[in-house]
Amino acid sequence: MADVYAEFREVVNMSAADLKKWLGTEESQGVGQKSSAGAESVGHDSGRKIVHLLDKKKSALTEADEQHMHKVVGYVHRHLAQRPQGDVTETKWRYSLMNWGHDPLKD
């Protein structure tokens, strides 16, 4: 658990408050894969789970929490490797990463 927790805390560079605020924006809700019309995207759902994880004490984390932290770490690393050229400030690429708790402009 310690390794994935450390990696999770490294890749998630947004605070719970910042992420929660971001998830309420149109930009956040407008990106990502949706299972059906009108459904929440996978990334947006993940963002809500990340807010919960950030607010939780490390000692209270469950096996399901650990699995989601693995998923977040993997997604962020894969997505960062696909960085588009040029200014990424207002791109779906950045917005998608932010739904997963990582703002690439903070690096």
PDB file of N, CA and C in Angstrom:
ATOM      1  N   MET A   1       0.834  -1.204   0.000  1.00  0.00           N
ATOM      2  CA  MET A   1       0.000   0.000   0.000  1.00  0.00           C
ATOM      3  C   MET A   1       0.869   1.254   0.000  1.00  0.00           C
ATOM      4  N   ALA A   2       1.988   1.242   0.732  1.00  0.00           N
ATOM      5  CA  ALA A   2       2.818   2.442   0.872  1.00  0.00           C
ATOM      6  C   ALA A   2       3.334   2.934  -0.476  1.00  0.00           C
ATOM      7  N   ASP A   3       3.745   1.999  -1.346  1.00  0.00           N
ATOM      8  CA  ASP A   3       4.296   2.394  -2.647  1.00  0.00           C
ATOM      9  C   ASP A   3       3.249   3.075  -3.517  1.00  0.00           C
ATOM     10  N   VAL A   4       2.078   2.463  -3.643  1.00  0.00           N
ATOM     11  CA  VAL A   4       1.043   3.047  -4.497  1.00  0.00           C
ATOM     12  C   VAL A   4       0.536   4.348  -3.893  1.00  0.00           C
ATOM     13  N   TYR A   5       0.478   4.436  -2.584  1.00  0.00           N
ATOM     14  CA  TYR A   5       0.032   5.669  -1.931  1.00  0.00           C
ATOM     15  C   TYR A   5       1.006   6.799  -2.253  1.00  0.00           C
ATOM     16  N   ALA A   6       2.302   6.528  -2.171  1.00  0.00           N
ATOM     17  CA  ALA A   6       3.315   7.551  -2.472  1.00  0.00           C
ATOM     18  C   ALA A   6       3.227   7.979  -3.933  1.00  0.00           C
ATOM     19  N   GLU A   7       3.069   7.013  -4.833  1.00  0.00           N
ATOM     20  CA  GLU A   7       2.942   7.345  -6.256  1.00  0.00           C
ATOM     21  C   GLU A   7       1.675   8.157  -6.517  1.00  0.00           C
ATOM     22  N   PHE A   8       0.583   7.751  -5.887  1.00  0.00           N
ATOM     23  CA  PHE A   8      -0.686   8.455  -6.029  1.00  0.00           C
ATOM     24  C   PHE A   8      -0.539   9.902  -5.588  1.00  0.00           C
ATOM     25  N   ARG A   9       0.078  10.114  -4.432  1.00  0.00           N
ATOM     26  CA  ARG A   9       0.250  11.468  -3.916  1.00  0.00           C
ATOM     27  C   ARG A   9       1.195  12.289  -4.797  1.00  0.00           C
ATOM     28  N   GLU A  10       2.067  11.609  -5.522  1.00  0.00           N
ATOM     29  CA  GLU A  10       2.986  12.298  -6.427  1.00  0.00           C
ATOM     30  C   GLU A  10       2.277  12.739  -7.710  1.00  0.00           C
ATOM     31  N   VAL A  11       1.455  11.866  -8.288  1.00  0.00           N
ATOM     32  CA  VAL A  11       0.812  12.206  -9.562  1.00  0.00           C
ATOM     33  C   VAL A  11      -0.417  13.088  -9.378  1.00  0.00           C
ATOM     34  N   VAL A  12      -1.096  12.973  -8.250  1.00  0.00           N
ATOM     35  CA  VAL A  12      -2.257  13.821  -7.988  1.00  0.00           C
ATOM     36  C   VAL A  12      -1.725  15.120  -7.376  1.00  0.00           C
ATOM     37  N   ASN A  13      -1.608  16.132  -8.230  1.00  0.00           N
ATOM     38  CA  ASN A  13      -1.012  17.396  -7.777  1.00  0.00           C
ATOM     39  C   ASN A  13      -2.060  18.489  -7.544  1.00  0.00           C
ATOM     40  N   MET A  14      -3.318  18.102  -7.555  1.00  0.00           N
ATOM     41  CA  MET A  14      -4.395  19.053  -7.243  1.00  0.00           C
ATOM     42  C   MET A  14      -4.911  18.741  -5.839  1.00  0.00           C
ATOM     43  N   SER A  15      -5.276  19.769  -5.109  1.00  0.00           N
ATOM     44  CA  SER A  15      -5.854  19.553  -3.782  1.00  0.00           C
ATOM     45  C   SER A  15      -7.291  19.050  -3.941  1.00  0.00           C
ATOM     46  N   ALA A  16      -7.821  18.479  -2.876  1.00  0.00           N
ATOM     47  CA  ALA A  16      -9.210  18.019  -2.915  1.00  0.00           C
ATOM     48  C   ALA A  16     -10.142  19.172  -3.247  1.00  0.00           C
ATOM     49  N   ALA A  17      -9.896  20.336  -2.659  1.00  0.00           N
ATOM     50  CA  ALA A  17     -10.761  21.500  -2.903  1.00  0.00           C
ATOM     51  C   ALA A  17     -10.665  21.956  -4.356  1.00  0.00           C
ATOM     52  N   ASP A  18      -9.445  22.021  -4.899  1.00  0.00           N
ATOM     53  CA  ASP A  18      -9.262  22.437  -6.294  1.00  0.00           C
ATOM     54  C   ASP A  18      -9.910  21.449  -7.258  1.00  0.00           C
ATOM     55  N   LEU A  19      -9.745  20.160  -6.976  1.00  0.00           N
ATOM     56  CA  LEU A  19     -10.315  19.136  -7.842  1.00  0.00           C
ATOM     57  C   LEU A  19     -11.840  19.179  -7.791  1.00  0.00           C
ATOM     58  N   LYS A  20     -12.394  19.333  -6.614  1.00  0.00           N
ATOM     59  CA  LYS A  20     -13.854  19.405  -6.471  1.00  0.00           C
ATOM     60  C   LYS A  20     -14.409  20.600  -7.251  1.00  0.00           C
ATOM     61  N   LYS A  21     -13.729  21.738  -7.149  1.00  0.00           N
ATOM     62  CA  LYS A  21     -14.141  22.936  -7.887  1.00  0.00           C
ATOM     63  C   LYS A  21     -14.056  22.683  -9.400  1.00  0.00           C
ATOM     64  N   TRP A  22     -12.958  22.078  -9.840  1.00  0.00           N
ATOM     65  CA  TRP A  22     -12.753  21.777 -11.255  1.00  0.00           C
ATOM     66  C   TRP A  22     -13.857  20.864 -11.784  1.00  0.00           C
ATOM     67  N   LEU A  23     -14.225  19.841 -11.011  1.00  0.00           N
ATOM     68  CA  LEU A  23     -15.225  18.873 -11.459  1.00  0.00           C
ATOM     69  C   LEU A  23     -16.594  19.510 -11.697  1.00  0.00           C
ATOM     70  N   GLY A  24     -16.812  20.695 -11.134  1.00  0.00           N
ATOM     71  CA  GLY A  24     -18.063  21.399 -11.339  1.00  0.00           C
ATOM     72  C   GLY A  24     -18.111  22.247 -12.592  1.00  0.00           C
ATOM     73  N   THR A  25     -17.014  22.303 -13.342  1.00  0.00           N
ATOM     74  CA  THR A  25     -16.962  23.143 -14.539  1.00  0.00           C
ATOM     75  C   THR A  25     -17.483  22.416 -15.782  1.00  0.00           C
ATOM     76  N   GLU A  26     -17.906  23.196 -16.762  1.00  0.00           N
ATOM     77  CA  GLU A  26     -18.348  22.631 -18.043  1.00  0.00           C
ATOM     78  C   GLU A  26     -17.198  21.920 -18.751  1.00  0.00           C
ATOM     79  N   GLU A  27     -15.995  22.483 -18.634  1.00  0.00           N
ATOM     80  CA  GLU A  27     -14.824  21.880 -19.288  1.00  0.00           C
ATOM     81  C   GLU A  27     -14.586  20.473 -18.746  1.00  0.00           C
ATOM     82  N   SER A  28     -14.688  20.332 -17.438  1.00  0.00           N
ATOM     83  CA  SER A  28     -14.479  19.026 -16.816  1.00  0.00           C
ATOM     84  C   SER A  28     -15.524  18.023 -17.288  1.00  0.00           C
ATOM     85  N   GLN A  29     -16.753  18.459 -17.344  1.00  0.00           N
ATOM     86  CA  GLN A  29     -17.837  17.555 -17.688  1.00  0.00           C
ATOM     87  C   GLN A  29     -17.923  17.279 -19.186  1.00  0.00           C
ATOM     88  N   GLY A  30     -17.175  18.051 -19.979  1.00  0.00           N
ATOM     89  CA  GLY A  30     -17.234  17.913 -21.427  1.00  0.00           C
ATOM     90  C   GLY A  30     -16.189  17.016 -22.041  1.00  0.00           C
ATOM     91  N   VAL A  31     -15.342  16.393 -21.223  1.00  0.00           N
ATOM     92  CA  VAL A  31     -14.298  15.526 -21.774  1.00  0.00           C
ATOM     93  C   VAL A  31     -14.419  14.118 -21.214  1.00  0.00           C
ATOM     94  N   GLY A  32     -13.828  13.185 -21.929  1.00  0.00           N
ATOM     95  CA  GLY A  32     -13.746  11.812 -21.454  1.00  0.00           C
ATOM     96  C   GLY A  32     -14.772  10.893 -22.079  1.00  0.00           C
ATOM     97  N   GLN A  33     -14.511   9.591 -21.914  1.00  0.00           N
ATOM     98  CA  GLN A  33     -15.398   8.564 -22.447  1.00  0.00           C
ATOM     99  C   GLN A  33     -16.604   8.402 -21.533  1.00  0.00           C
ATOM    100  N   LYS A  34     -17.765   8.350 -22.180  1.00  0.00           N
ATOM    101  CA  LYS A  34     -19.017   8.144 -21.442  1.00  0.00           C
ATOM    102  C   LYS A  34     -19.608   6.814 -21.863  1.00  0.00           C
ATOM    103  N   SER A  35     -20.168   6.101 -20.900  1.00  0.00           N
ATOM    104  CA  SER A  35     -20.736   4.787 -21.216  1.00  0.00           C
ATOM    105  C   SER A  35     -22.035   4.897 -22.006  1.00  0.00           C
ATOM    106  N   SER A  36     -22.765   6.013 -21.824  1.00  0.00           N
ATOM    107  CA  SER A  36     -23.993   6.232 -22.588  1.00  0.00           C
ATOM    108  C   SER A  36     -24.287   7.726 -22.613  1.00  0.00           C
ATOM    109  N   ALA A  37     -25.208   8.122 -23.478  1.00  0.00           N
ATOM    110  CA  ALA A  37     -25.558   9.538 -23.608  1.00  0.00           C
ATOM    111  C   ALA A  37     -26.026  10.078 -22.262  1.00  0.00           C
ATOM    112  N   GLY A  38     -25.474  11.212 -21.884  1.00  0.00           N
ATOM    113  CA  GLY A  38     -25.853  11.856 -20.639  1.00  0.00           C
ATOM    114  C   GLY A  38     -25.171  11.288 -19.405  1.00  0.00           C
ATOM    115  N   ALA A  39     -24.412  10.211 -19.579  1.00  0.00           N
ATOM    116  CA  ALA A  39     -23.733   9.584 -18.447  1.00  0.00           C
ATOM    117  C   ALA A  39     -22.477  10.370 -18.070  1.00  0.00           C
ATOM    118  N   GLU A  40     -22.038  10.149 -16.858  1.00  0.00           N
ATOM    119  CA  GLU A  40     -20.798  10.765 -16.383  1.00  0.00           C
ATOM    120  C   GLU A  40     -19.613  10.043 -17.018  1.00  0.00           C
ATOM    121  N   SER A  41     -18.577  10.789 -17.385  1.00  0.00           N
ATOM    122  CA  SER A  41     -17.400  10.165 -17.987  1.00  0.00           C
ATOM    123  C   SER A  41     -16.622   9.380 -16.925  1.00  0.00           C
ATOM    124  N   VAL A  42     -15.825   8.449 -17.407  1.00  0.00           N
ATOM    125  CA  VAL A  42     -14.991   7.628 -16.527  1.00  0.00           C
ATOM    126  C   VAL A  42     -14.060   8.526 -15.705  1.00  0.00           C
ATOM    127  N   GLY A  43     -13.446   9.516 -16.352  1.00  0.00           N
ATOM    128  CA  GLY A  43     -12.524  10.412 -15.663  1.00  0.00           C
ATOM    129  C   GLY A  43     -13.211  11.278 -14.615  1.00  0.00           C
ATOM    130  N   HIS A  44     -14.415  11.737 -14.928  1.00  0.00           N
ATOM    131  CA  HIS A  44     -15.146  12.577 -13.983  1.00  0.00           C
ATOM    132  C   HIS A  44     -15.520  11.767 -12.751  1.00  0.00           C
ATOM    133  N   ASP A  45     -15.964  10.540 -12.955  1.00  0.00           N
ATOM    134  CA  ASP A  45     -16.263   9.634 -11.846  1.00  0.00           C
ATOM    135  C   ASP A  45     -14.999   9.385 -11.017  1.00  0.00           C
ATOM    136  N   SER A  46     -13.887   9.182 -11.699  1.00  0.00           N
ATOM    137  CA  SER A  46     -12.620   8.973 -11.010  1.00  0.00           C
ATOM    138  C   SER A  46     -12.258  10.192 -10.171  1.00  0.00           C
ATOM    139  N   GLY A  47     -12.474  11.376 -10.711  1.00  0.00           N
ATOM    140  CA  GLY A  47     -12.173  12.601  -9.977  1.00  0.00           C
ATOM    141  C   GLY A  47     -12.934  12.688  -8.669  1.00  0.00           C
ATOM    142  N   ARG A  48     -14.202  12.286  -8.702  1.00  0.00           N
ATOM    143  CA  ARG A  48     -14.990  12.297  -7.458  1.00  0.00           C
ATOM    144  C   ARG A  48     -14.403  11.316  -6.446  1.00  0.00           C
ATOM    145  N   LYS A  49     -13.958  10.159  -6.929  1.00  0.00           N
ATOM    146  CA  LYS A  49     -13.332   9.166  -6.040  1.00  0.00           C
ATOM    147  C   LYS A  49     -12.013   9.697  -5.480  1.00  0.00           C
ATOM    148  N   ILE A  50     -11.268  10.420  -6.307  1.00  0.00           N
ATOM    149  CA  ILE A  50      -9.990  10.985  -5.866  1.00  0.00           C
ATOM    150  C   ILE A  50     -10.213  12.014  -4.766  1.00  0.00           C
ATOM    151  N   VAL A  51     -11.222  12.851  -4.904  1.00  0.00           N
ATOM    152  CA  VAL A  51     -11.543  13.823  -3.855  1.00  0.00           C
ATOM    153  C   VAL A  51     -11.773  13.079  -2.539  1.00  0.00           C
ATOM    154  N   HIS A  52     -12.526  11.995  -2.614  1.00  0.00           N
ATOM    155  CA  HIS A  52     -12.799  11.182  -1.425  1.00  0.00           C
ATOM    156  C   HIS A  52     -11.496  10.611  -0.840  1.00  0.00           C
ATOM    157  N   LEU A  53     -10.619  10.118  -1.713  1.00  0.00           N
ATOM    158  CA  LEU A  53      -9.348   9.548  -1.254  1.00  0.00           C
ATOM    159  C   LEU A  53      -8.463  10.602  -0.597  1.00  0.00           C
ATOM    160  N   LEU A  54      -8.430  11.794  -1.173  1.00  0.00           N
ATOM    161  CA  LEU A  54      -7.601  12.863  -0.617  1.00  0.00           C
ATOM    162  C   LEU A  54      -8.092  13.313   0.756  1.00  0.00           C
ATOM    163  N   ASP A  55      -9.383  13.183   0.982  1.00  0.00           N
ATOM    164  CA  ASP A  55      -9.966  13.578   2.267  1.00  0.00           C
ATOM    165  C   ASP A  55      -9.875  12.475   3.323  1.00  0.00           C
ATOM    166  N   LYS A  56      -9.438  11.294   2.917  1.00  0.00           N
ATOM    167  CA  LYS A  56      -9.408  10.138   3.801  1.00  0.00           C
ATOM    168  C   LYS A  56      -8.041   9.990   4.466  1.00  0.00           C
ATOM    169  N   LYS A  57      -8.020   9.539   5.705  1.00  0.00           N
ATOM    170  CA  LYS A  57      -6.750   9.249   6.381  1.00  0.00           C
ATOM    171  C   LYS A  57      -6.130   8.011   5.752  1.00  0.00           C
ATOM    172  N   LYS A  58      -4.812   8.011   5.652  1.00  0.00           N
ATOM    173  CA  LYS A  58      -4.107   6.882   5.043  1.00  0.00           C
ATOM    174  C   LYS A  58      -4.475   5.572   5.737  1.00  0.00           C
ATOM    175  N   SER A  59      -4.615   5.607   7.040  1.00  0.00           N
ATOM    176  CA  SER A  59      -4.916   4.393   7.808  1.00  0.00           C
ATOM    177  C   SER A  59      -6.327   3.861   7.531  1.00  0.00           C
ATOM    178  N   ALA A  60      -7.183   4.673   6.946  1.00  0.00           N
ATOM    179  CA  ALA A  60      -8.563   4.266   6.669  1.00  0.00           C
ATOM    180  C   ALA A  60      -8.760   3.759   5.242  1.00  0.00           C
ATOM    181  N   LEU A  61      -7.698   3.767   4.435  1.00  0.00           N
ATOM    182  CA  LEU A  61      -7.820   3.341   3.040  1.00  0.00           C
ATOM    183  C   LEU A  61      -8.113   1.848   2.946  1.00  0.00           C
ATOM    184  N   THR A  62      -8.966   1.493   1.993  1.00  0.00           N
ATOM    185  CA  THR A  62      -9.364   0.106   1.791  1.00  0.00           C
ATOM    186  C   THR A  62      -8.643  -0.494   0.585  1.00  0.00           C
ATOM    187  N   GLU A  63      -8.872  -1.777   0.368  1.00  0.00           N
ATOM    188  CA  GLU A  63      -8.304  -2.439  -0.804  1.00  0.00           C
ATOM    189  C   GLU A  63      -8.867  -1.818  -2.086  1.00  0.00           C
ATOM    190  N   ALA A  64     -10.148  -1.469  -2.070  1.00  0.00           N
ATOM    191  CA  ALA A  64     -10.760  -0.812  -3.236  1.00  0.00           C
ATOM    192  C   ALA A  64     -10.116   0.554  -3.483  1.00  0.00           C
ATOM    193  N   ASP A  65      -9.803   1.270  -2.414  1.00  0.00           N
ATOM    194  CA  ASP A  65      -9.115   2.561  -2.552  1.00  0.00           C
ATOM    195  C   ASP A  65      -7.745   2.358  -3.184  1.00  0.00           C
ATOM    196  N   GLU A  66      -7.043   1.329  -2.732  1.00  0.00           N
ATOM    197  CA  GLU A  66      -5.713   1.029  -3.275  1.00  0.00           C
ATOM    198  C   GLU A  66      -5.805   0.700  -4.762  1.00  0.00           C
ATOM    199  N   GLN A  67      -6.817  -0.067  -5.155  1.00  0.00           N
ATOM    200  CA  GLN A  67      -7.003  -0.396  -6.572  1.00  0.00           C
ATOM    201  C   GLN A  67      -7.253   0.860  -7.392  1.00  0.00           C
ATOM    202  N   HIS A  68      -8.046   1.785  -6.844  1.00  0.00           N
ATOM    203  CA  HIS A  68      -8.310   3.010  -7.603  1.00  0.00           C
ATOM    204  C   HIS A  68      -7.046   3.873  -7.688  1.00  0.00           C
ATOM    205  N   MET A  69      -6.255   3.900  -6.632  1.00  0.00           N
ATOM    206  CA  MET A  69      -4.993   4.650  -6.686  1.00  0.00           C
ATOM    207  C   MET A  69      -4.092   4.090  -7.775  1.00  0.00           C
ATOM    208  N   HIS A  70      -4.028   2.754  -7.920  1.00  0.00           N
ATOM    209  CA  HIS A  70      -3.251   2.134  -9.006  1.00  0.00           C
ATOM    210  C   HIS A  70      -3.770   2.607 -10.362  1.00  0.00           C
ATOM    211  N   LYS A  71      -5.085   2.629 -10.510  1.00  0.00           N
ATOM    212  CA  LYS A  71      -5.710   3.049 -11.766  1.00  0.00           C
ATOM    213  C   LYS A  71      -5.355   4.502 -12.089  1.00  0.00           C
ATOM    214  N   VAL A  72      -5.387   5.362 -11.091  1.00  0.00           N
ATOM    215  CA  VAL A  72      -5.066   6.785 -11.276  1.00  0.00           C
ATOM    216  C   VAL A  72      -3.609   6.946 -11.705  1.00  0.00           C
ATOM    217  N   VAL A  73      -2.708   6.280 -11.003  1.00  0.00           N
ATOM    218  CA  VAL A  73      -1.274   6.376 -11.320  1.00  0.00           C
ATOM    219  C   VAL A  73      -1.029   5.921 -12.756  1.00  0.00           C
ATOM    220  N   GLY A  74      -1.604   4.789 -13.141  1.00  0.00           N
ATOM    221  CA  GLY A  74      -1.425   4.272 -14.496  1.00  0.00           C
ATOM    222  C   GLY A  74      -1.974   5.224 -15.548  1.00  0.00           C
ATOM    223  N   TYR A  75      -3.175   5.750 -15.310  1.00  0.00           N
ATOM    224  CA  TYR A  75      -3.787   6.658 -16.275  1.00  0.00           C
ATOM    225  C   TYR A  75      -2.936   7.912 -16.452  1.00  0.00           C
ATOM    226  N   VAL A  76      -2.535   8.519 -15.359  1.00  0.00           N
ATOM    227  CA  VAL A  76      -1.763   9.767 -15.450  1.00  0.00           C
ATOM    228  C   VAL A  76      -0.454   9.531 -16.197  1.00  0.00           C
ATOM    229  N   HIS A  77       0.251   8.452 -15.880  1.00  0.00           N
ATOM    230  CA  HIS A  77       1.516   8.178 -16.582  1.00  0.00           C
ATOM    231  C   HIS A  77       1.289   7.949 -18.077  1.00  0.00           C
ATOM    232  N   ARG A  78       0.266   7.163 -18.424  1.00  0.00           N
ATOM    233  CA  ARG A  78      -0.009   6.903 -19.854  1.00  0.00           C
ATOM    234  C   ARG A  78      -0.404   8.191 -20.574  1.00  0.00           C
ATOM    235  N   HIS A  79      -1.244   8.985 -19.946  1.00  0.00           N
ATOM    236  CA  HIS A  79      -1.744  10.199 -20.591  1.00  0.00           C
ATOM    237  C   HIS A  79      -0.638  11.250 -20.737  1.00  0.00           C
ATOM    238  N   LEU A  80       0.234  11.355 -19.753  1.00  0.00           N
ATOM    239  CA  LEU A  80       1.350  12.310 -19.849  1.00  0.00           C
ATOM    240  C   LEU A  80       2.263  11.967 -21.018  1.00  0.00           C
ATOM    241  N   ALA A  81       2.406  10.691 -21.319  1.00  0.00           N
ATOM    242  CA  ALA A  81       3.255  10.251 -22.435  1.00  0.00           C
ATOM    243  C   ALA A  81       2.668  10.647 -23.784  1.00  0.00           C
ATOM    244  N   GLN A  82       1.390  11.030 -23.817  1.00  0.00           N
ATOM    245  CA  GLN A  82       0.719  11.407 -25.059  1.00  0.00           C
ATOM    246  C   GLN A  82       0.570  12.924 -25.194  1.00  0.00           C
ATOM    247  N   ARG A  83       1.388  13.681 -24.479  1.00  0.00           N
ATOM    248  CA  ARG A  83       1.277  15.142 -24.483  1.00  0.00           C
ATOM    249  C   ARG A  83       1.345  15.707 -25.906  1.00  0.00           C
ATOM    250  N   PRO A  84       0.360  16.497 -26.286  1.00  0.00           N
ATOM    251  CA  PRO A  84       0.398  17.118 -27.611  1.00  0.00           C
ATOM    252  C   PRO A  84       1.423  18.257 -27.643  1.00  0.00           C
ATOM    253  N   GLN A  85       1.814  18.620 -28.846  1.00  0.00           N
ATOM    254  CA  GLN A  85       2.750  19.729 -28.982  1.00  0.00           C
ATOM    255  C   GLN A  85       2.019  21.049 -28.818  1.00  0.00           C
ATOM    256  N   GLY A  86       2.767  22.068 -28.446  1.00  0.00           N
ATOM    257  CA  GLY A  86       2.203  23.408 -28.349  1.00  0.00           C
ATOM    258  C   GLY A  86       1.608  23.691 -26.985  1.00  0.00           C
ATOM    259  N   ASP A  87       0.850  24.750 -26.938  1.00  0.00           N
ATOM    260  CA  ASP A  87       0.223  25.206 -25.703  1.00  0.00           C
ATOM    261  C   ASP A  87      -0.930  24.266 -25.348  1.00  0.00           C
ATOM    262  N   VAL A  88      -0.879  23.690 -24.151  1.00  0.00           N
ATOM    263  CA  VAL A  88      -1.904  22.726 -23.745  1.00  0.00           C
ATOM    264  C   VAL A  88      -2.914  23.329 -22.762  1.00  0.00           C
ATOM    265  N   THR A  89      -2.836  24.647 -22.560  1.00  0.00           N
ATOM    266  CA  THR A  89      -3.656  25.302 -21.531  1.00  0.00           C
ATOM    267  C   THR A  89      -5.138  24.980 -21.652  1.00  0.00           C
ATOM    268  N   GLU A  90      -5.700  25.104 -22.838  1.00  0.00           N
ATOM    269  CA  GLU A  90      -7.134  24.888 -23.012  1.00  0.00           C
ATOM    270  C   GLU A  90      -7.389  23.710 -23.941  1.00  0.00           C
ATOM    271  N   THR A  91      -6.813  22.552 -23.590  1.00  0.00           N
ATOM    272  CA  THR A  91      -6.971  21.359 -24.424  1.00  0.00           C
ATOM    273  C   THR A  91      -7.736  20.271 -23.681  1.00  0.00           C
ATOM    274  N   LYS A  92      -8.389  19.418 -24.458  1.00  0.00           N
ATOM    275  CA  LYS A  92      -9.072  18.269 -23.865  1.00  0.00           C
ATOM    276  C   LYS A  92      -8.065  17.359 -23.159  1.00  0.00           C
ATOM    277  N   TRP A  93      -6.843  17.308 -23.664  1.00  0.00           N
ATOM    278  CA  TRP A  93      -5.797  16.497 -23.041  1.00  0.00           C
ATOM    279  C   TRP A  93      -5.575  16.946 -21.593  1.00  0.00           C
ATOM    280  N   ARG A  94      -5.401  18.249 -21.395  1.00  0.00           N
ATOM    281  CA  ARG A  94      -5.194  18.775 -20.041  1.00  0.00           C
ATOM    282  C   ARG A  94      -6.443  18.584 -19.192  1.00  0.00           C
ATOM    283  N   TYR A  95      -7.596  18.875 -19.750  1.00  0.00           N
ATOM    284  CA  TYR A  95      -8.840  18.765 -18.987  1.00  0.00           C
ATOM    285  C   TYR A  95      -9.074  17.328 -18.519  1.00  0.00           C
ATOM    286  N   SER A  96      -8.748  16.375 -19.388  1.00  0.00           N
ATOM    287  CA  SER A  96      -8.907  14.972 -19.022  1.00  0.00           C
ATOM    288  C   SER A  96      -7.979  14.615 -17.856  1.00  0.00           C
ATOM    289  N   LEU A  97      -6.741  15.054 -17.934  1.00  0.00           N
ATOM    290  CA  LEU A  97      -5.797  14.802 -16.835  1.00  0.00           C
ATOM    291  C   LEU A  97      -6.274  15.450 -15.541  1.00  0.00           C
ATOM    292  N   MET A  98      -6.821  16.630 -15.651  1.00  0.00           N
ATOM    293  CA  MET A  98      -7.302  17.318 -14.455  1.00  0.00           C
ATOM    294  C   MET A  98      -8.463  16.558 -13.814  1.00  0.00           C
ATOM    295  N   ASN A  99      -9.280  15.898 -14.611  1.00  0.00           N
ATOM    296  CA  ASN A  99     -10.349  15.071 -14.045  1.00  0.00           C
ATOM    297  C   ASN A  99      -9.756  13.940 -13.204  1.00  0.00           C
ATOM    298  N   TRP A 100      -8.538  13.551 -13.516  1.00  0.00           N
ATOM    299  CA  TRP A 100      -7.852  12.485 -12.776  1.00  0.00           C
ATOM    300  C   TRP A 100      -6.922  13.074 -11.699  1.00  0.00           C
ATOM    301  N   GLY A 101      -7.064  14.369 -11.420  1.00  0.00           N
ATOM    302  CA  GLY A 101      -6.337  14.992 -10.311  1.00  0.00           C
ATOM    303  C   GLY A 101      -4.965  15.528 -10.631  1.00  0.00           C
ATOM    304  N   HIS A 102      -4.597  15.547 -11.915  1.00  0.00           N
ATOM    305  CA  HIS A 102      -3.264  16.014 -12.297  1.00  0.00           C
ATOM    306  C   HIS A 102      -3.370  17.202 -13.253  1.00  0.00           C
ATOM    307  N   ASP A 103      -2.847  18.330 -12.830  1.00  0.00           N
ATOM    308  CA  ASP A 103      -2.790  19.498 -13.711  1.00  0.00           C
ATOM    309  C   ASP A 103      -1.367  19.581 -14.261  1.00  0.00           C
ATOM    310  N   PRO A 104      -1.176  19.279 -15.551  1.00  0.00           N
ATOM    311  CA  PRO A 104       0.173  19.266 -16.120  1.00  0.00           C
ATOM    312  C   PRO A 104       0.833  20.640 -16.121  1.00  0.00           C
ATOM    313  N   LEU A 105       0.074  21.696 -15.956  1.00  0.00           N
ATOM    314  CA  LEU A 105       0.680  23.038 -15.917  1.00  0.00           C
ATOM    315  C   LEU A 105       1.280  23.332 -14.549  1.00  0.00           C
ATOM    316  N   LYS A 106       1.046  22.494 -13.575  1.00  0.00           N
ATOM    317  CA  LYS A 106       1.637  22.674 -12.246  1.00  0.00           C
ATOM    318  C   LYS A 106       3.044  22.083 -12.172  1.00  0.00           C
ATOM    319  N   ASP A 107       3.417  21.267 -13.152  1.00  0.00           N
ATOM    320  CA  ASP A 107       4.747  20.626 -13.136  1.00  0.00           C
ATOM    321  C   ASP A 107       5.860  21.634 -13.306  1.00  0.00           C
TER     322      ASP A 107
END
